[in-house]
């Protein structure tokens, strides 16, 4: 995880050591090129930005597609000091968005009691690198992105429709939910704690690593899929039964279930035409394919 998560963890440890959240606990926030940043809500031109980088400490982040002149806003901006407001910098074609001013001594009590919600309009096919320490990342409308890199420590993800060239997600805690996802390259996701739900995934390759929590995935046109789970049930729905899958399954403790017609050869179970090359490995839990 990046610096933003280290800062959050340090602050939480301080609260724990002191033993009383009513005491004023704080930690400074630092980032490079601080003098280049501007405070407050702003607009920018879509054609001037190829990549957006967001580091957000507390509060939800809502992502929207847009064209032309786009806006970036945070809730309650009028009541925040300049140091407390988000800061931004257009570094060439990369737009960088930070939670507050570099050097600001961030009060952890205030952060969690008065969360800031961020709304970002994004150009189509932009690369997005986003880190959120506490708060949900959400998008109700279709997002068209280039490469997406998403790190969440707490709060989860709820993105209803997404198209991208490549997706990489690291989720420490909180549910991760996607609706319909289309990826021309690889969809890779690691979850430490909390369930994963994907209504439909179409991708060249899917790689899911789940430490704890259930996994529910609707498998569309996927050439290759690898799924590793330490603990929790797995439910996979083959959305095209005729195309089907070739499944290799291994478990320390668990079982494999399907009501679909299968052909078994050695350690390979084939459903339909065996289109998706699927490898499933679990330590404990059940796997259901339907």
C-alpha atoms as a PDB file:
ATOM      1  CA  UNK A   1       0.000   0.000   0.000  1.00  0.00           C
ATOM      2  CA  UNK A   2       1.057   3.553  -0.556  1.00  0.00           C
ATOM      3  CA  UNK A   3       1.873   6.280   1.945  1.00  0.00           C
ATOM      4  CA  UNK A   4      -1.790   7.163   2.464  1.00  0.00           C
ATOM      5  CA  UNK A   5      -2.482   3.786   4.068  1.00  0.00           C
ATOM      6  CA  UNK A   6       0.640   3.939   6.195  1.00  0.00           C
ATOM      7  CA  UNK A   7      -0.536   7.282   7.538  1.00  0.00           C
ATOM      8  CA  UNK A   8      -3.960   5.920   8.377  1.00  0.00           C
ATOM      9  CA  UNK A   9      -2.527   2.865  10.111  1.00  0.00           C
ATOM     10  CA  UNK A  10      -0.101   4.972  12.133  1.00  0.00           C
ATOM     11  CA  UNK A  11      -2.945   7.169  13.306  1.00  0.00           C
ATOM     12  CA  UNK A  12      -5.105   4.253  14.307  1.00  0.00           C
ATOM     13  CA  UNK A  13      -2.252   2.742  16.293  1.00  0.00           C
ATOM     14  CA  UNK A  14      -1.805   6.021  18.130  1.00  0.00           C
ATOM     15  CA  UNK A  15      -5.473   6.038  19.056  1.00  0.00           C
ATOM     16  CA  UNK A  16      -5.217   2.479  20.308  1.00  0.00           C
ATOM     17  CA  UNK A  17      -2.111   3.181  22.387  1.00  0.00           C
ATOM     18  CA  UNK A  18      -3.565   6.263  24.024  1.00  0.00           C
ATOM     19  CA  UNK A  19      -6.734   4.343  24.772  1.00  0.00           C
ATOM     20  CA  UNK A  20      -9.151   7.256  24.502  1.00  0.00           C
ATOM     21  CA  UNK A  21     -10.539   8.510  21.187  1.00  0.00           C
ATOM     22  CA  UNK A  22     -11.667  11.747  22.826  1.00  0.00           C
ATOM     23  CA  UNK A  23      -8.043  12.868  22.984  1.00  0.00           C
ATOM     24  CA  UNK A  24      -6.815  14.893  20.037  1.00  0.00           C
ATOM     25  CA  UNK A  25      -4.691  12.613  17.843  1.00  0.00           C
ATOM     26  CA  UNK A  26      -3.178  13.737  14.577  1.00  0.00           C
ATOM     27  CA  UNK A  27      -0.617  12.819  11.978  1.00  0.00           C
ATOM     28  CA  UNK A  28       0.987  14.976   9.278  1.00  0.00           C
ATOM     29  CA  UNK A  29       0.366  14.385   5.577  1.00  0.00           C
ATOM     30  CA  UNK A  30       3.274  14.864   3.176  1.00  0.00           C
ATOM     31  CA  UNK A  31       3.698  14.521  -0.578  1.00  0.00           C
ATOM     32  CA  UNK A  32       6.241  15.765  -3.111  1.00  0.00           C
ATOM     33  CA  UNK A  33       5.977  18.946  -5.248  1.00  0.00           C
ATOM     34  CA  UNK A  34       3.611  20.468  -2.681  1.00  0.00           C
ATOM     35  CA  UNK A  35       4.084  24.014  -4.003  1.00  0.00           C
ATOM     36  CA  UNK A  36       2.632  22.973  -7.369  1.00  0.00           C
ATOM     37  CA  UNK A  37      -0.788  22.130  -5.920  1.00  0.00           C
ATOM     38  CA  UNK A  38      -3.892  24.339  -5.782  1.00  0.00           C
ATOM     39  CA  UNK A  39      -6.641  24.097  -3.130  1.00  0.00           C
ATOM     40  CA  UNK A  40     -10.376  23.635  -3.616  1.00  0.00           C
ATOM     41  CA  UNK A  41     -12.934  22.493  -6.162  1.00  0.00           C
ATOM     42  CA  UNK A  42     -11.961  22.922  -9.811  1.00  0.00           C
ATOM     43  CA  UNK A  43     -12.692  22.157 -13.459  1.00  0.00           C
ATOM     44  CA  UNK A  44     -10.402  20.881 -16.203  1.00  0.00           C
ATOM     45  CA  UNK A  45     -10.515  20.103 -19.913  1.00  0.00           C
ATOM     46  CA  UNK A  46     -10.941  16.430 -20.791  1.00  0.00           C
ATOM     47  CA  UNK A  47      -8.559  16.443 -23.753  1.00  0.00           C
ATOM     48  CA  UNK A  48      -5.675  17.690 -21.604  1.00  0.00           C
ATOM     49  CA  UNK A  49      -5.647  14.700 -19.229  1.00  0.00           C
ATOM     50  CA  UNK A  50      -4.484  11.149 -19.980  1.00  0.00           C
ATOM     51  CA  UNK A  51      -4.147   9.893 -16.397  1.00  0.00           C
ATOM     52  CA  UNK A  52      -5.813  10.688 -13.060  1.00  0.00           C
ATOM     53  CA  UNK A  53      -4.215   9.844  -9.700  1.00  0.00           C
ATOM     54  CA  UNK A  54      -6.325  10.120  -6.532  1.00  0.00           C
ATOM     55  CA  UNK A  55      -5.206   9.667  -2.925  1.00  0.00           C
ATOM     56  CA  UNK A  56      -8.112  10.026  -0.511  1.00  0.00           C
ATOM     57  CA  UNK A  57      -8.044   9.392   3.232  1.00  0.00           C
ATOM     58  CA  UNK A  58     -11.643   9.435   4.439  1.00  0.00           C
ATOM     59  CA  UNK A  59     -15.004   9.679   2.697  1.00  0.00           C
ATOM     60  CA  UNK A  60     -16.628   8.195  -0.373  1.00  0.00           C
ATOM     61  CA  UNK A  61     -15.309   8.693  -3.893  1.00  0.00           C
ATOM     62  CA  UNK A  62     -17.841   8.836  -6.735  1.00  0.00           C
ATOM     63  CA  UNK A  63     -16.616   8.429 -10.311  1.00  0.00           C
ATOM     64  CA  UNK A  64     -18.479   9.767 -13.362  1.00  0.00           C
ATOM     65  CA  UNK A  65     -17.805   9.768 -17.099  1.00  0.00           C
ATOM     66  CA  UNK A  66     -17.810  13.136 -18.815  1.00  0.00           C
ATOM     67  CA  UNK A  67     -16.746  15.141 -21.857  1.00  0.00           C
ATOM     68  CA  UNK A  68     -15.513  18.681 -22.453  1.00  0.00           C
ATOM     69  CA  UNK A  69     -15.111  20.703 -19.256  1.00  0.00           C
ATOM     70  CA  UNK A  70     -15.105  18.342 -16.270  1.00  0.00           C
ATOM     71  CA  UNK A  71     -15.504  19.074 -12.565  1.00  0.00           C
ATOM     72  CA  UNK A  72     -13.928  17.740  -9.379  1.00  0.00           C
ATOM     73  CA  UNK A  73     -15.720  18.616  -6.140  1.00  0.00           C
ATOM     74  CA  UNK A  74     -15.690  17.671  -2.465  1.00  0.00           C
ATOM     75  CA  UNK A  75     -18.574  17.955  -0.021  1.00  0.00           C
ATOM     76  CA  UNK A  76     -18.521  20.769   2.527  1.00  0.00           C
ATOM     77  CA  UNK A  77     -15.713  22.636   0.774  1.00  0.00           C
ATOM     78  CA  UNK A  78     -17.041  26.028   1.920  1.00  0.00           C
ATOM     79  CA  UNK A  79     -16.640  25.090   5.586  1.00  0.00           C
ATOM     80  CA  UNK A  80     -13.072  23.809   5.198  1.00  0.00           C
ATOM     81  CA  UNK A  81      -9.902  25.793   5.628  1.00  0.00           C
ATOM     82  CA  UNK A  82      -7.519  25.976   2.683  1.00  0.00           C
ATOM     83  CA  UNK A  83      -5.273  23.402   4.367  1.00  0.00           C
ATOM     84  CA  UNK A  84      -8.207  21.015   4.849  1.00  0.00           C
ATOM     85  CA  UNK A  85      -9.469  21.297   1.277  1.00  0.00           C
ATOM     86  CA  UNK A  86      -8.417  18.871  -1.414  1.00  0.00           C
ATOM     87  CA  UNK A  87      -5.342  19.914  -3.388  1.00  0.00           C
ATOM     88  CA  UNK A  88      -4.742  19.239  -7.062  1.00  0.00           C
ATOM     89  CA  UNK A  89      -2.048  19.597  -9.711  1.00  0.00           C
ATOM     90  CA  UNK A  90      -2.075  19.030 -13.459  1.00  0.00           C
ATOM     91  CA  UNK A  91       1.405  17.603 -13.990  1.00  0.00           C
ATOM     92  CA  UNK A  92       1.696  17.503 -17.773  1.00  0.00           C
ATOM     93  CA  UNK A  93      -1.164  15.195 -18.785  1.00  0.00           C
ATOM     94  CA  UNK A  94      -1.479  13.627 -15.297  1.00  0.00           C
ATOM     95  CA  UNK A  95      -4.053  15.079 -12.899  1.00  0.00           C
ATOM     96  CA  UNK A  96      -3.097  14.497  -9.261  1.00  0.00           C
ATOM     97  CA  UNK A  97      -5.676  14.865  -6.481  1.00  0.00           C
ATOM     98  CA  UNK A  98      -4.763  14.813  -2.773  1.00  0.00           C
ATOM     99  CA  UNK A  99      -6.937  14.805   0.342  1.00  0.00           C
ATOM    100  CA  UNK A 100      -5.457  17.966   1.889  1.00  0.00           C
ATOM    101  CA  UNK A 101      -2.430  20.256   1.871  1.00  0.00           C
ATOM    102  CA  UNK A 102       0.992  18.679   2.232  1.00  0.00           C
ATOM    103  CA  UNK A 103       2.344  19.269   5.734  1.00  0.00           C
ATOM    104  CA  UNK A 104      -1.124  19.629   7.238  1.00  0.00           C
ATOM    105  CA  UNK A 105      -1.388  18.015  10.672  1.00  0.00           C
ATOM    106  CA  UNK A 106      -4.444  15.887  10.056  1.00  0.00           C
ATOM    107  CA  UNK A 107      -6.719  15.312  13.053  1.00  0.00           C
ATOM    108  CA  UNK A 108      -7.797  11.671  12.917  1.00  0.00           C
ATOM    109  CA  UNK A 109     -10.823  12.321  15.124  1.00  0.00           C
ATOM    110  CA  UNK A 110     -12.024  15.011  12.738  1.00  0.00           C
ATOM    111  CA  UNK A 111     -11.312  12.876   9.681  1.00  0.00           C
ATOM    112  CA  UNK A 112     -13.560  10.047  10.831  1.00  0.00           C
ATOM    113  CA  UNK A 113     -16.273  12.258  12.310  1.00  0.00           C
ATOM    114  CA  UNK A 114     -16.465  14.672   9.357  1.00  0.00           C
ATOM    115  CA  UNK A 115     -15.707  12.624   6.270  1.00  0.00           C
ATOM    116  CA  UNK A 116     -15.248  14.397   2.946  1.00  0.00           C
ATOM    117  CA  UNK A 117     -16.981  12.944  -0.108  1.00  0.00           C
ATOM    118  CA  UNK A 118     -15.227  13.402  -3.454  1.00  0.00           C
ATOM    119  CA  UNK A 119     -16.900  13.435  -6.885  1.00  0.00           C
ATOM    120  CA  UNK A 120     -14.677  13.206  -9.965  1.00  0.00           C
ATOM    121  CA  UNK A 121     -15.733  13.474 -13.606  1.00  0.00           C
ATOM    122  CA  UNK A 122     -13.370  11.503 -15.840  1.00  0.00           C
ATOM    123  CA  UNK A 123     -12.554  11.630 -19.551  1.00  0.00           C
ATOM    124  CA  UNK A 124     -13.242   8.492 -21.577  1.00  0.00           C
ATOM    125  CA  UNK A 125     -10.360   5.974 -21.742  1.00  0.00           C
ATOM    126  CA  UNK A 126      -8.276   7.813 -19.140  1.00  0.00           C
ATOM    127  CA  UNK A 127      -5.911   5.766 -16.940  1.00  0.00           C
ATOM    128  CA  UNK A 128      -7.023   5.880 -13.291  1.00  0.00           C
ATOM    129  CA  UNK A 129      -4.873   5.191 -10.222  1.00  0.00           C
ATOM    130  CA  UNK A 130      -6.889   5.556  -7.021  1.00  0.00           C
ATOM    131  CA  UNK A 131      -6.065   4.914  -3.351  1.00  0.00           C
ATOM    132  CA  UNK A 132      -8.764   5.245  -0.666  1.00  0.00           C
ATOM    133  CA  UNK A 133      -8.009   4.615   2.997  1.00  0.00           C
ATOM    134  CA  UNK A 134     -11.554   4.817   4.389  1.00  0.00           C
ATOM    135  CA  UNK A 135     -14.643   5.222   2.237  1.00  0.00           C
ATOM    136  CA  UNK A 136     -16.497   3.546  -0.625  1.00  0.00           C
ATOM    137  CA  UNK A 137     -15.524   3.931  -4.269  1.00  0.00           C
ATOM    138  CA  UNK A 138     -18.664   3.968  -6.400  1.00  0.00           C
ATOM    139  CA  UNK A 139     -19.916   4.553  -9.929  1.00  0.00           C
ATOM    140  CA  UNK A 140     -23.563   4.090 -10.917  1.00  0.00           C
ATOM    141  CA  UNK A 141     -23.157   4.923 -14.603  1.00  0.00           C
ATOM    142  CA  UNK A 142     -20.915   3.343 -17.237  1.00  0.00           C
ATOM    143  CA  UNK A 143     -17.189   4.051 -16.871  1.00  0.00           C
ATOM    144  CA  UNK A 144     -14.896   3.818 -19.899  1.00  0.00           C
ATOM    145  CA  UNK A 145     -11.291   3.701 -18.721  1.00  0.00           C
ATOM    146  CA  UNK A 146      -7.843   2.794 -19.967  1.00  0.00           C
ATOM    147  CA  UNK A 147      -5.910   1.098 -17.166  1.00  0.00           C
ATOM    148  CA  UNK A 148      -7.498   1.036 -13.704  1.00  0.00           C
ATOM    149  CA  UNK A 149      -5.490   0.516 -10.524  1.00  0.00           C
ATOM    150  CA  UNK A 150      -7.651   0.597  -7.383  1.00  0.00           C
ATOM    151  CA  UNK A 151      -6.480   0.214  -3.761  1.00  0.00           C
ATOM    152  CA  UNK A 152      -8.976   0.348  -0.892  1.00  0.00           C
ATOM    153  CA  UNK A 153      -8.188  -0.151   2.794  1.00  0.00           C
ATOM    154  CA  UNK A 154     -11.706   0.110   4.224  1.00  0.00           C
ATOM    155  CA  UNK A 155     -15.085   0.925   2.758  1.00  0.00           C
ATOM    156  CA  UNK A 156     -15.401  -1.265  -0.288  1.00  0.00           C
ATOM    157  CA  UNK A 157     -16.226  -0.755  -3.944  1.00  0.00           C
ATOM    158  CA  UNK A 158     -19.523  -0.556  -5.840  1.00  0.00           C
ATOM    159  CA  UNK A 159     -19.097  -0.007  -9.590  1.00  0.00           C
ATOM    160  CA  UNK A 160     -22.100  -0.935 -11.689  1.00  0.00           C
ATOM    161  CA  UNK A 161     -20.672  -0.883 -15.227  1.00  0.00           C
ATOM    162  CA  UNK A 162     -17.061  -0.676 -16.329  1.00  0.00           C
ATOM    163  CA  UNK A 163     -15.034  -1.066 -19.498  1.00  0.00           C
ATOM    164  CA  UNK A 164     -11.242  -0.935 -19.354  1.00  0.00           C
ATOM    165  CA  UNK A 165      -8.062  -2.155 -21.012  1.00  0.00           C
ATOM    166  CA  UNK A 166      -6.732  -3.555 -17.740  1.00  0.00           C
ATOM    167  CA  UNK A 167      -7.943  -3.688 -14.122  1.00  0.00           C
ATOM    168  CA  UNK A 168      -6.006  -4.337 -10.929  1.00  0.00           C
ATOM    169  CA  UNK A 169      -7.752  -4.151  -7.539  1.00  0.00           C
ATOM    170  CA  UNK A 170      -6.361  -4.586  -4.011  1.00  0.00           C
ATOM    171  CA  UNK A 171      -9.021  -4.514  -1.285  1.00  0.00           C
ATOM    172  CA  UNK A 172      -8.036  -4.857   2.373  1.00  0.00           C
ATOM    173  CA  UNK A 173     -11.454  -4.704   4.016  1.00  0.00           C
ATOM    174  CA  UNK A 174     -15.031  -4.185   2.879  1.00  0.00           C
ATOM    175  CA  UNK A 175     -17.190  -5.696   0.176  1.00  0.00           C
ATOM    176  CA  UNK A 176     -16.156  -5.342  -3.459  1.00  0.00           C
ATOM    177  CA  UNK A 177     -18.984  -5.319  -5.995  1.00  0.00           C
ATOM    178  CA  UNK A 178     -18.939  -4.887  -9.757  1.00  0.00           C
ATOM    179  CA  UNK A 179     -21.852  -5.084 -12.140  1.00  0.00           C
ATOM    180  CA  UNK A 180     -20.953  -5.700 -15.776  1.00  0.00           C
ATOM    181  CA  UNK A 181     -17.197  -5.542 -16.458  1.00  0.00           C
ATOM    182  CA  UNK A 182     -15.498  -5.762 -19.864  1.00  0.00           C
ATOM    183  CA  UNK A 183     -11.696  -5.915 -19.986  1.00  0.00           C
ATOM    184  CA  UNK A 184      -9.664  -6.298 -23.154  1.00  0.00           C
ATOM    185  CA  UNK A 185      -6.670  -7.500 -21.094  1.00  0.00           C
ATOM    186  CA  UNK A 186      -6.396  -8.797 -17.516  1.00  0.00           C
ATOM    187  CA  UNK A 187      -8.802  -8.384 -14.596  1.00  0.00           C
ATOM    188  CA  UNK A 188      -6.800  -9.028 -11.403  1.00  0.00           C
ATOM    189  CA  UNK A 189      -8.209  -8.650  -7.907  1.00  0.00           C
ATOM    190  CA  UNK A 190      -6.880  -9.431  -4.415  1.00  0.00           C
ATOM    191  CA  UNK A 191      -9.195  -9.257  -1.405  1.00  0.00           C
ATOM    192  CA  UNK A 192      -8.024  -9.670   2.196  1.00  0.00           C
ATOM    193  CA  UNK A 193     -11.337  -9.492   4.037  1.00  0.00           C
ATOM    194  CA  UNK A 194     -14.803  -9.004   2.602  1.00  0.00           C
ATOM    195  CA  UNK A 195     -16.854 -10.555  -0.146  1.00  0.00           C
ATOM    196  CA  UNK A 196     -16.419 -10.161  -3.901  1.00  0.00           C
ATOM    197  CA  UNK A 197     -19.335  -9.993  -6.321  1.00  0.00           C
ATOM    198  CA  UNK A 198     -19.101  -9.563 -10.096  1.00  0.00           C
ATOM    199  CA  UNK A 199     -22.389  -9.839 -11.997  1.00  0.00           C
ATOM    200  CA  UNK A 200     -20.649 -10.409 -15.329  1.00  0.00           C
ATOM    201  CA  UNK A 201     -17.007 -10.413 -16.379  1.00  0.00           C
ATOM    202  CA  UNK A 202     -15.768 -10.545 -19.982  1.00  0.00           C
ATOM    203  CA  UNK A 203     -11.975 -10.544 -20.182  1.00  0.00           C
ATOM    204  CA  UNK A 204      -8.954 -12.121 -21.788  1.00  0.00           C
ATOM    205  CA  UNK A 205      -7.753 -13.258 -18.363  1.00  0.00           C
ATOM    206  CA  UNK A 206      -9.188 -13.175 -14.818  1.00  0.00           C
ATOM    207  CA  UNK A 207      -7.080 -13.662 -11.685  1.00  0.00           C
ATOM    208  CA  UNK A 208      -8.858 -13.625  -8.306  1.00  0.00           C
ATOM    209  CA  UNK A 209      -7.114 -14.143  -4.955  1.00  0.00           C
ATOM    210  CA  UNK A 210      -9.403 -14.089  -1.911  1.00  0.00           C
ATOM    211  CA  UNK A 211      -8.098 -14.515   1.635  1.00  0.00           C
ATOM    212  CA  UNK A 212     -11.432 -14.394   3.443  1.00  0.00           C
ATOM    213  CA  UNK A 213     -14.986 -13.866   2.244  1.00  0.00           C
ATOM    214  CA  UNK A 214     -17.347 -15.287  -0.332  1.00  0.00           C
ATOM    215  CA  UNK A 215     -16.770 -14.949  -4.067  1.00  0.00           C
ATOM    216  CA  UNK A 216     -19.687 -14.765  -6.528  1.00  0.00           C
ATOM    217  CA  UNK A 217     -18.897 -14.265 -10.219  1.00  0.00           C
ATOM    218  CA  UNK A 218     -20.885 -14.400 -13.425  1.00  0.00           C
ATOM    219  CA  UNK A 219     -18.442 -15.711 -16.050  1.00  0.00           C
ATOM    220  CA  UNK A 220     -18.986 -14.375 -19.558  1.00  0.00           C
ATOM    221  CA  UNK A 221     -16.471 -14.566 -22.400  1.00  0.00           C
ATOM    222  CA  UNK A 222     -13.306 -15.300 -20.402  1.00  0.00           C
ATOM    223  CA  UNK A 223     -10.408 -17.176 -22.012  1.00  0.00           C
ATOM    224  CA  UNK A 224      -8.482 -17.945 -18.832  1.00  0.00           C
ATOM    225  CA  UNK A 225      -9.509 -17.759 -15.188  1.00  0.00           C
ATOM    226  CA  UNK A 226      -7.519 -18.477 -12.030  1.00  0.00           C
ATOM    227  CA  UNK A 227      -9.134 -18.380  -8.607  1.00  0.00           C
ATOM    228  CA  UNK A 228      -7.370 -18.901  -5.255  1.00  0.00           C
ATOM    229  CA  UNK A 229      -9.281 -18.784  -1.975  1.00  0.00           C
ATOM    230  CA  UNK A 230      -8.138 -19.365   1.588  1.00  0.00           C
ATOM    231  CA  UNK A 231     -11.536 -19.317   3.264  1.00  0.00           C
ATOM    232  CA  UNK A 232     -15.057 -18.744   1.996  1.00  0.00           C
ATOM    233  CA  UNK A 233     -17.537 -20.170  -0.470  1.00  0.00           C
ATOM    234  CA  UNK A 234     -17.188 -19.670  -4.227  1.00  0.00           C
ATOM    235  CA  UNK A 235     -20.113 -19.501  -6.641  1.00  0.00           C
ATOM    236  CA  UNK A 236     -19.448 -19.265 -10.363  1.00  0.00           C
ATOM    237  CA  UNK A 237     -22.229 -18.896 -12.927  1.00  0.00           C
ATOM    238  CA  UNK A 238     -21.362 -19.781 -16.525  1.00  0.00           C
ATOM    239  CA  UNK A 239     -23.449 -17.266 -18.452  1.00  0.00           C
ATOM    240  CA  UNK A 240     -22.951 -19.193 -21.699  1.00  0.00           C
ATOM    241  CA  UNK A 241     -23.516 -22.836 -20.774  1.00  0.00           C
ATOM    242  CA  UNK A 242     -22.781 -24.065 -24.295  1.00  0.00           C
ATOM    243  CA  UNK A 243     -19.354 -22.379 -24.344  1.00  0.00           C
ATOM    244  CA  UNK A 244     -18.723 -23.765 -20.851  1.00  0.00           C
ATOM    245  CA  UNK A 245     -15.353 -24.279 -19.185  1.00  0.00           C
ATOM    246  CA  UNK A 246     -12.480 -26.684 -18.567  1.00  0.00           C
ATOM    247  CA  UNK A 247     -12.026 -26.778 -14.796  1.00  0.00           C
ATOM    248  CA  UNK A 248      -9.049 -27.924 -12.746  1.00  0.00           C
ATOM    249  CA  UNK A 249      -9.969 -28.003  -9.054  1.00  0.00           C
ATOM    250  CA  UNK A 250      -7.880 -28.615  -5.929  1.00  0.00           C
ATOM    251  CA  UNK A 251      -8.690 -28.200  -2.228  1.00  0.00           C
ATOM    252  CA  UNK A 252      -7.208 -28.908   1.186  1.00  0.00           C
ATOM    253  CA  UNK A 253     -10.669 -29.038   2.726  1.00  0.00           C
ATOM    254  CA  UNK A 254     -13.786 -28.426   0.666  1.00  0.00           C
ATOM    255  CA  UNK A 255     -15.964 -29.752  -2.100  1.00  0.00           C
ATOM    256  CA  UNK A 256     -16.905 -29.080  -5.727  1.00  0.00           C
ATOM    257  CA  UNK A 257     -20.557 -28.988  -6.792  1.00  0.00           C
ATOM    258  CA  UNK A 258     -22.318 -28.558 -10.119  1.00  0.00           C
ATOM    259  CA  UNK A 259     -25.704 -29.535 -11.526  1.00  0.00           C
ATOM    260  CA  UNK A 260     -24.460 -29.099 -15.098  1.00  0.00           C
ATOM    261  CA  UNK A 261     -23.529 -31.955 -17.420  1.00  0.00           C
ATOM    262  CA  UNK A 262     -19.809 -32.704 -17.167  1.00  0.00           C
ATOM    263  CA  UNK A 263     -17.153 -34.821 -18.857  1.00  0.00           C
ATOM    264  CA  UNK A 264     -14.340 -35.875 -16.537  1.00  0.00           C
ATOM    265  CA  UNK A 265     -10.849 -36.779 -17.723  1.00  0.00           C
ATOM    266  CA  UNK A 266      -8.149 -37.089 -15.102  1.00  0.00           C
ATOM    267  CA  UNK A 267      -8.139 -33.876 -13.054  1.00  0.00           C
ATOM    268  CA  UNK A 268     -10.098 -31.922 -15.682  1.00  0.00           C
ATOM    269  CA  UNK A 269     -13.853 -31.399 -15.577  1.00  0.00           C
ATOM    270  CA  UNK A 270     -15.308 -30.106 -18.857  1.00  0.00           C
ATOM    271  CA  UNK A 271     -18.635 -28.322 -19.154  1.00  0.00           C
ATOM    272  CA  UNK A 272     -20.013 -27.548 -22.625  1.00  0.00           C
ATOM    273  CA  UNK A 273     -17.303 -26.766 -25.171  1.00  0.00           C
ATOM    274  CA  UNK A 274     -14.758 -25.952 -22.433  1.00  0.00           C
ATOM    275  CA  UNK A 275     -14.177 -22.390 -23.664  1.00  0.00           C
ATOM    276  CA  UNK A 276     -12.873 -20.935 -20.364  1.00  0.00           C
ATOM    277  CA  UNK A 277      -9.666 -22.505 -19.093  1.00  0.00           C
ATOM    278  CA  UNK A 278     -10.391 -22.387 -15.346  1.00  0.00           C
ATOM    279  CA  UNK A 279      -8.096 -23.248 -12.425  1.00  0.00           C
ATOM    280  CA  UNK A 280      -9.578 -23.204  -8.918  1.00  0.00           C
ATOM    281  CA  UNK A 281      -7.561 -23.737  -5.741  1.00  0.00           C
ATOM    282  CA  UNK A 282      -8.998 -23.443  -2.218  1.00  0.00           C
ATOM    283  CA  UNK A 283      -7.799 -24.156   1.306  1.00  0.00           C
ATOM    284  CA  UNK A 284     -11.231 -24.346   2.938  1.00  0.00           C
ATOM    285  CA  UNK A 285     -14.697 -23.821   1.547  1.00  0.00           C
ATOM    286  CA  UNK A 286     -17.037 -24.999  -1.178  1.00  0.00           C
ATOM    287  CA  UNK A 287     -17.123 -24.313  -4.918  1.00  0.00           C
ATOM    288  CA  UNK A 288     -20.360 -24.288  -6.901  1.00  0.00           C
ATOM    289  CA  UNK A 289     -20.493 -23.951 -10.695  1.00  0.00           C
ATOM    290  CA  UNK A 290     -23.864 -23.475 -12.328  1.00  0.00           C
END
